[in-house]
Amino acid sequence: MIEPFKNKAVSRLKKARGQIDGVIKMIEGNKYCIDILTQVLALQGAIREVGPLILESHLYTCGGENLGSKNQKKKEKFIKEIIRVSSLSGR
């Protein structure tokens, strides 16, 4: 991955790791379920932000090379790869 995407992704994942630790403590401490769920939803949002950073970095680092290639199979493979991971994000 390239900067600044790498720094942003690592920062967000470290934040998410801290949130996971917090949620575990909340569960172990028998905190109010809605409060736990609120933190889980915030955690999901933090993790969801990382995917687009990785994809954007990938497009900058590999997109030009693959899409600019004279090798049609290489182009098609790259495009299918992007479509596949994009469809996973809709789940």
N, C-alpha and C. Protein backbone atom coordinates (compact mmCIF):
# COMPACT_ATOMS: atom_id res chain seq x y z
N MET A 1 0.84 -1.18 0.00
CA MET A 1 0.00 0.00 0.00
C MET A 1 0.88 1.24 0.00
N ILE A 2 0.32 2.30 -0.53
CA ILE A 2 1.07 3.55 -0.59
C ILE A 2 0.54 4.54 0.45
N GLU A 3 1.41 5.49 0.79
CA GLU A 3 1.00 6.57 1.69
C GLU A 3 0.10 7.51 0.89
N PRO A 4 -0.84 8.19 1.44
CA PRO A 4 -1.25 8.20 2.85
C PRO A 4 -2.26 7.10 3.19
N PHE A 5 -2.62 6.29 2.22
CA PHE A 5 -3.62 5.24 2.45
C PHE A 5 -3.18 4.27 3.54
N LYS A 6 -1.91 3.92 3.51
CA LYS A 6 -1.37 2.96 4.49
C LYS A 6 -1.53 3.49 5.91
N ASN A 7 -1.10 4.73 6.14
CA ASN A 7 -1.20 5.32 7.48
C ASN A 7 -2.64 5.41 7.94
N LYS A 8 -3.52 5.83 7.05
CA LYS A 8 -4.94 5.95 7.42
C LYS A 8 -5.53 4.59 7.76
N ALA A 9 -5.22 3.58 6.96
CA ALA A 9 -5.77 2.24 7.20
C ALA A 9 -5.26 1.69 8.52
N VAL A 10 -3.97 1.81 8.77
CA VAL A 10 -3.40 1.30 10.02
C VAL A 10 -4.00 2.04 11.22
N SER A 11 -4.12 3.34 11.10
CA SER A 11 -4.70 4.14 12.19
C SER A 11 -6.13 3.71 12.50
N ARG A 12 -6.93 3.53 11.46
CA ARG A 12 -8.32 3.12 11.67
C ARG A 12 -8.42 1.72 12.25
N LEU A 13 -7.54 0.82 11.81
CA LEU A 13 -7.56 -0.54 12.35
C LEU A 13 -7.10 -0.58 13.81
N LYS A 14 -6.14 0.26 14.16
CA LYS A 14 -5.72 0.33 15.56
C LYS A 14 -6.85 0.87 16.43
N LYS A 15 -7.56 1.86 15.91
CA LYS A 15 -8.72 2.39 16.62
C LYS A 15 -9.76 1.29 16.80
N ALA A 16 -9.99 0.51 15.75
CA ALA A 16 -10.96 -0.58 15.82
C ALA A 16 -10.52 -1.63 16.84
N ARG A 17 -9.23 -1.91 16.89
CA ARG A 17 -8.71 -2.86 17.87
C ARG A 17 -9.02 -2.38 19.29
N GLY A 18 -8.86 -1.10 19.53
CA GLY A 18 -9.20 -0.53 20.83
C GLY A 18 -10.69 -0.65 21.12
N GLN A 19 -11.50 -0.42 20.08
CA GLN A 19 -12.94 -0.56 20.25
C GLN A 19 -13.32 -2.01 20.57
N ILE A 20 -12.66 -2.96 19.93
CA ILE A 20 -12.93 -4.38 20.21
C ILE A 20 -12.64 -4.68 21.68
N ASP A 21 -11.49 -4.20 22.17
CA ASP A 21 -11.15 -4.42 23.57
C ASP A 21 -12.22 -3.81 24.48
N GLY A 22 -12.70 -2.64 24.10
CA GLY A 22 -13.75 -1.99 24.89
C GLY A 22 -15.05 -2.78 24.89
N VAL A 23 -15.42 -3.31 23.74
CA VAL A 23 -16.65 -4.10 23.64
C VAL A 23 -16.52 -5.38 24.47
N ILE A 24 -15.37 -6.02 24.42
CA ILE A 24 -15.15 -7.23 25.23
C ILE A 24 -15.33 -6.91 26.71
N LYS A 25 -14.74 -5.80 27.16
CA LYS A 25 -14.88 -5.41 28.57
C LYS A 25 -16.34 -5.13 28.92
N MET A 26 -17.06 -4.50 27.98
CA MET A 26 -18.47 -4.22 28.22
C MET A 26 -19.26 -5.52 28.38
N ILE A 27 -18.99 -6.48 27.51
CA ILE A 27 -19.70 -7.76 27.58
C ILE A 27 -19.34 -8.49 28.88
N GLU A 28 -18.04 -8.54 29.17
CA GLU A 28 -17.61 -9.20 30.41
C GLU A 28 -18.16 -8.51 31.65
N GLY A 29 -18.35 -7.21 31.55
CA GLY A 29 -18.88 -6.44 32.67
C GLY A 29 -20.39 -6.37 32.72
N ASN A 30 -21.04 -7.15 31.86
CA ASN A 30 -22.51 -7.21 31.82
C ASN A 30 -23.15 -5.83 31.65
N LYS A 31 -22.58 -5.02 30.78
CA LYS A 31 -23.14 -3.70 30.51
C LYS A 31 -24.45 -3.83 29.74
N TYR A 32 -25.16 -2.74 29.66
CA TYR A 32 -26.46 -2.68 29.00
C TYR A 32 -26.30 -3.06 27.52
N CYS A 33 -27.12 -3.99 27.07
CA CYS A 33 -26.99 -4.56 25.71
C CYS A 33 -27.02 -3.50 24.62
N ILE A 34 -27.89 -2.51 24.76
CA ILE A 34 -27.98 -1.46 23.74
C ILE A 34 -26.69 -0.66 23.67
N ASP A 35 -26.06 -0.42 24.80
CA ASP A 35 -24.77 0.28 24.81
C ASP A 35 -23.70 -0.55 24.10
N ILE A 36 -23.72 -1.86 24.34
CA ILE A 36 -22.77 -2.75 23.66
C ILE A 36 -23.03 -2.74 22.16
N LEU A 37 -24.28 -2.86 21.79
CA LEU A 37 -24.64 -2.88 20.37
C LEU A 37 -24.24 -1.58 19.69
N THR A 38 -24.42 -0.46 20.37
CA THR A 38 -24.01 0.83 19.81
C THR A 38 -22.51 0.83 19.50
N GLN A 39 -21.72 0.29 20.41
CA GLN A 39 -20.27 0.22 20.19
C GLN A 39 -19.91 -0.75 19.07
N VAL A 40 -20.64 -1.86 18.97
CA VAL A 40 -20.40 -2.82 17.88
C VAL A 40 -20.69 -2.16 16.53
N LEU A 41 -21.76 -1.38 16.46
CA LEU A 41 -22.09 -0.70 15.20
C LEU A 41 -21.04 0.34 14.85
N ALA A 42 -20.52 1.04 15.85
CA ALA A 42 -19.43 2.00 15.61
C ALA A 42 -18.19 1.27 15.11
N LEU A 43 -17.92 0.12 15.68
CA LEU A 43 -16.78 -0.70 15.26
C LEU A 43 -16.93 -1.15 13.82
N GLN A 44 -18.12 -1.59 13.45
CA GLN A 44 -18.37 -2.00 12.06
C GLN A 44 -18.11 -0.84 11.11
N GLY A 45 -18.53 0.36 11.49
CA GLY A 45 -18.30 1.53 10.65
C GLY A 45 -16.82 1.82 10.49
N ALA A 46 -16.07 1.69 11.57
CA ALA A 46 -14.62 1.95 11.51
C ALA A 46 -13.93 0.96 10.58
N ILE A 47 -14.31 -0.30 10.66
CA ILE A 47 -13.71 -1.32 9.80
C ILE A 47 -14.13 -1.12 8.35
N ARG A 48 -15.38 -0.74 8.15
CA ARG A 48 -15.90 -0.53 6.79
C ARG A 48 -15.13 0.59 6.07
N GLU A 49 -14.58 1.54 6.82
CA GLU A 49 -13.83 2.64 6.21
C GLU A 49 -12.47 2.20 5.66
N VAL A 50 -11.97 1.07 6.11
CA VAL A 50 -10.63 0.62 5.70
C VAL A 50 -10.63 0.07 4.28
N GLY A 51 -11.68 -0.65 3.89
CA GLY A 51 -11.74 -1.26 2.57
C GLY A 51 -11.53 -0.28 1.42
N PRO A 52 -12.26 0.84 1.42
CA PRO A 52 -12.05 1.79 0.33
C PRO A 52 -10.63 2.36 0.27
N LEU A 53 -9.98 2.50 1.42
CA LEU A 53 -8.59 2.97 1.41
C LEU A 53 -7.68 1.96 0.72
N ILE A 54 -7.88 0.69 1.04
CA ILE A 54 -7.07 -0.36 0.42
C ILE A 54 -7.34 -0.43 -1.07
N LEU A 55 -8.60 -0.35 -1.45
CA LEU A 55 -8.96 -0.40 -2.87
C LEU A 55 -8.37 0.79 -3.63
N GLU A 56 -8.47 1.98 -3.05
CA GLU A 56 -7.94 3.16 -3.73
C GLU A 56 -6.42 3.04 -3.90
N SER A 57 -5.74 2.58 -2.88
CA SER A 57 -4.30 2.38 -2.98
C SER A 57 -3.98 1.37 -4.08
N HIS A 58 -4.76 0.30 -4.13
CA HIS A 58 -4.56 -0.74 -5.15
C HIS A 58 -4.76 -0.17 -6.56
N LEU A 59 -5.77 0.65 -6.71
CA LEU A 59 -6.01 1.24 -8.04
C LEU A 59 -4.85 2.14 -8.46
N TYR A 60 -4.30 2.90 -7.51
CA TYR A 60 -3.16 3.76 -7.83
C TYR A 60 -1.90 2.94 -8.13
N THR A 61 -1.68 1.88 -7.35
CA THR A 61 -0.43 1.13 -7.51
C THR A 61 -0.48 0.11 -8.64
N CYS A 62 -1.63 -0.52 -8.83
CA CYS A 62 -1.72 -1.61 -9.81
C CYS A 62 -2.66 -1.29 -10.98
N GLY A 63 -3.53 -0.34 -10.79
CA GLY A 63 -4.53 -0.04 -11.82
C GLY A 63 -3.94 0.40 -13.14
N GLY A 64 -3.04 1.36 -13.10
CA GLY A 64 -2.44 1.87 -14.33
C GLY A 64 -1.68 0.80 -15.09
N GLU A 65 -0.92 0.03 -14.35
CA GLU A 65 -0.12 -1.03 -14.97
C GLU A 65 -1.01 -2.07 -15.64
N ASN A 66 -2.05 -2.48 -14.93
CA ASN A 66 -2.92 -3.53 -15.46
C ASN A 66 -3.86 -3.02 -16.55
N LEU A 67 -4.45 -1.87 -16.33
CA LEU A 67 -5.39 -1.35 -17.33
C LEU A 67 -4.67 -0.82 -18.57
N GLY A 68 -3.41 -0.40 -18.39
CA GLY A 68 -2.62 0.09 -19.51
C GLY A 68 -1.88 -1.01 -20.25
N SER A 69 -2.02 -2.21 -19.78
CA SER A 69 -1.30 -3.34 -20.38
C SER A 69 -1.85 -3.67 -21.77
N LYS A 70 -0.97 -4.11 -22.64
CA LYS A 70 -1.41 -4.57 -23.96
C LYS A 70 -1.95 -5.99 -23.88
N ASN A 71 -1.72 -6.64 -22.77
CA ASN A 71 -2.18 -8.00 -22.54
C ASN A 71 -3.66 -7.96 -22.12
N GLN A 72 -4.54 -8.35 -23.02
CA GLN A 72 -5.97 -8.29 -22.77
C GLN A 72 -6.39 -9.15 -21.58
N LYS A 73 -5.77 -10.31 -21.43
CA LYS A 73 -6.12 -11.20 -20.30
C LYS A 73 -5.76 -10.55 -18.97
N LYS A 74 -4.65 -9.84 -18.95
CA LYS A 74 -4.23 -9.15 -17.73
C LYS A 74 -5.24 -8.06 -17.36
N LYS A 75 -5.71 -7.32 -18.36
CA LYS A 75 -6.73 -6.29 -18.13
C LYS A 75 -8.01 -6.91 -17.59
N GLU A 76 -8.45 -7.97 -18.26
CA GLU A 76 -9.70 -8.62 -17.87
C GLU A 76 -9.61 -9.19 -16.46
N LYS A 77 -8.48 -9.78 -16.13
CA LYS A 77 -8.29 -10.35 -14.79
C LYS A 77 -8.39 -9.25 -13.74
N PHE A 78 -7.74 -8.11 -14.01
CA PHE A 78 -7.76 -7.00 -13.07
C PHE A 78 -9.19 -6.47 -12.89
N ILE A 79 -9.90 -6.28 -13.97
CA ILE A 79 -11.27 -5.77 -13.92
C ILE A 79 -12.17 -6.74 -13.15
N LYS A 80 -12.05 -8.03 -13.43
CA LYS A 80 -12.86 -9.03 -12.73
C LYS A 80 -12.54 -9.05 -11.24
N GLU A 81 -11.28 -8.86 -10.92
CA GLU A 81 -10.85 -8.82 -9.53
C GLU A 81 -11.52 -7.65 -8.79
N ILE A 82 -11.55 -6.49 -9.43
CA ILE A 82 -12.18 -5.31 -8.82
C ILE A 82 -13.68 -5.53 -8.67
N ILE A 83 -14.31 -6.08 -9.69
CA ILE A 83 -15.75 -6.36 -9.62
C ILE A 83 -16.05 -7.35 -8.50
N ARG A 84 -15.22 -8.37 -8.38
CA ARG A 84 -15.43 -9.39 -7.34
C ARG A 84 -15.36 -8.79 -5.94
N VAL A 85 -14.33 -8.02 -5.68
CA VAL A 85 -14.21 -7.44 -4.33
C VAL A 85 -15.26 -6.37 -4.09
N SER A 86 -15.67 -5.67 -5.14
CA SER A 86 -16.73 -4.67 -4.99
C SER A 86 -18.04 -5.34 -4.63
N SER A 87 -18.32 -6.49 -5.22
CA SER A 87 -19.56 -7.20 -4.90
C SER A 87 -19.54 -7.73 -3.47
N LEU A 88 -18.38 -8.05 -2.95
CA LEU A 88 -18.27 -8.51 -1.56
C LEU A 88 -18.64 -7.40 -0.58
N SER A 89 -18.36 -6.16 -0.96
CA SER A 89 -18.65 -5.04 -0.06
C SER A 89 -20.14 -4.78 0.07
N GLY A 90 -20.94 -5.29 -0.85
CA GLY A 90 -22.38 -5.09 -0.79
C GLY A 90 -23.09 -6.07 0.11
N ARG A 91 -22.36 -7.00 0.67
CA ARG A 91 -22.98 -8.03 1.53
C ARG A 91 -23.22 -7.53 2.93
